[in-house]
Amino acid sequence: MATLLEKPEPPGEFDCCESACEPCVWDFYYEELAAWQKQQAELKAAADAGDGGDGGS
């Protein structure tokens, strides 16, 4: 099984300099959050289908 992702923490109060950097710390956060949410949805779908993801052992 792929590595389980940890839910990302949003940037801290002073992590964003608000000068329209490309990419911004918020861009990284939202990419990581989307990947985590996708993985969570896949894990839920597998659990709902009765597949514990343990390879049947």
C-alpha atoms as a PDB file:
ATOM      1  CA  MET A   1       0.000   0.000   0.000  1.00  0.00           C
ATOM      2  CA  ALA A   2       1.119   3.533  -0.655  1.00  0.00           C
ATOM      3  CA  THR A   3       2.316   5.688   2.186  1.00  0.00           C
ATOM      4  CA  LEU A   4      -0.489   7.234   4.186  1.00  0.00           C
ATOM      5  CA  LEU A   5      -0.454  10.993   3.932  1.00  0.00           C
ATOM      6  CA  GLU A   6      -0.850  13.143   7.012  1.00  0.00           C
ATOM      7  CA  LYS A   7      -3.442  15.906   6.854  1.00  0.00           C
ATOM      8  CA  PRO A   8      -1.485  19.062   6.069  1.00  0.00           C
ATOM      9  CA  GLU A   9      -1.502  22.006   8.414  1.00  0.00           C
ATOM     10  CA  PRO A  10      -2.398  25.370   6.913  1.00  0.00           C
ATOM     11  CA  PRO A  11       0.389  27.923   6.754  1.00  0.00           C
ATOM     12  CA  GLY A  12       0.994  29.869   9.922  1.00  0.00           C
ATOM     13  CA  GLU A  13      -0.217  33.402  10.421  1.00  0.00           C
ATOM     14  CA  PHE A  14       3.036  34.929   9.179  1.00  0.00           C
ATOM     15  CA  ASP A  15       4.081  32.284   6.615  1.00  0.00           C
ATOM     16  CA  CYS A  16       2.443  34.143   3.732  1.00  0.00           C
ATOM     17  CA  CYS A  17       4.114  37.433   2.847  1.00  0.00           C
ATOM     18  CA  GLU A  18       1.041  38.587   0.861  1.00  0.00           C
ATOM     19  CA  SER A  19       3.192  39.786  -2.049  1.00  0.00           C
ATOM     20  CA  ALA A  20       1.643  37.467  -4.671  1.00  0.00           C
ATOM     21  CA  CYS A  21       4.557  35.026  -4.729  1.00  0.00           C
ATOM     22  CA  GLU A  22       4.370  32.268  -7.350  1.00  0.00           C
ATOM     23  CA  PRO A  23       3.962  29.719  -5.909  1.00  0.00           C
ATOM     24  CA  CYS A  24       2.610  30.871  -2.576  1.00  0.00           C
ATOM     25  CA  VAL A  25       2.746  28.790   0.594  1.00  0.00           C
ATOM     26  CA  TRP A  26      -1.042  28.523   0.219  1.00  0.00           C
ATOM     27  CA  ASP A  27      -0.591  26.923  -3.229  1.00  0.00           C
ATOM     28  CA  PHE A  28       1.529  24.177  -1.666  1.00  0.00           C
ATOM     29  CA  TYR A  29      -0.967  23.738   1.158  1.00  0.00           C
ATOM     30  CA  TYR A  30      -3.947  23.377  -1.190  1.00  0.00           C
ATOM     31  CA  GLU A  31      -2.059  20.859  -3.381  1.00  0.00           C
ATOM     32  CA  GLU A  32      -1.170  18.775  -0.330  1.00  0.00           C
ATOM     33  CA  LEU A  33      -4.723  19.064   1.027  1.00  0.00           C
ATOM     34  CA  ALA A  34      -6.200  17.913  -2.295  1.00  0.00           C
ATOM     35  CA  ALA A  35      -3.854  14.893  -2.361  1.00  0.00           C
ATOM     36  CA  TRP A  36      -4.775  14.028   1.240  1.00  0.00           C
ATOM     37  CA  GLN A  37      -8.513  14.389   0.540  1.00  0.00           C
ATOM     38  CA  LYS A  38      -8.196  12.177  -2.550  1.00  0.00           C
ATOM     39  CA  GLN A  39      -6.394   9.507  -0.543  1.00  0.00           C
ATOM     40  CA  GLN A  40      -9.010   9.681   2.217  1.00  0.00           C
ATOM     41  CA  ALA A  41     -11.810   9.255  -0.342  1.00  0.00           C
ATOM     42  CA  GLU A  42     -10.015   6.251  -1.865  1.00  0.00           C
ATOM     43  CA  LEU A  43      -9.527   4.677   1.563  1.00  0.00           C
ATOM     44  CA  LYS A  44     -13.195   5.214   2.399  1.00  0.00           C
ATOM     45  CA  ALA A  45     -14.289   3.714  -0.928  1.00  0.00           C
ATOM     46  CA  ALA A  46     -12.074   0.681  -0.313  1.00  0.00           C
ATOM     47  CA  ALA A  47     -13.468   0.273   3.208  1.00  0.00           C
ATOM     48  CA  ASP A  48     -17.037   0.619   1.948  1.00  0.00           C
ATOM     49  CA  ALA A  49     -16.325  -2.057  -0.666  1.00  0.00           C
ATOM     50  CA  GLY A  50     -15.114  -4.376   2.083  1.00  0.00           C
ATOM     51  CA  ASP A  51     -11.467  -4.193   1.044  1.00  0.00           C
ATOM     52  CA  GLY A  52      -9.353  -3.481   4.073  1.00  0.00           C
ATOM     53  CA  GLY A  53      -6.350  -2.928   1.812  1.00  0.00           C
ATOM     54  CA  ASP A  54      -4.276  -5.561   3.640  1.00  0.00           C
ATOM     55  CA  GLY A  55      -3.830  -7.837   0.661  1.00  0.00           C
ATOM     56  CA  GLY A  56      -6.227 -10.422   2.070  1.00  0.00           C
ATOM     57  CA  SER A  57      -3.971 -11.600   4.869  1.00  0.00           C
END
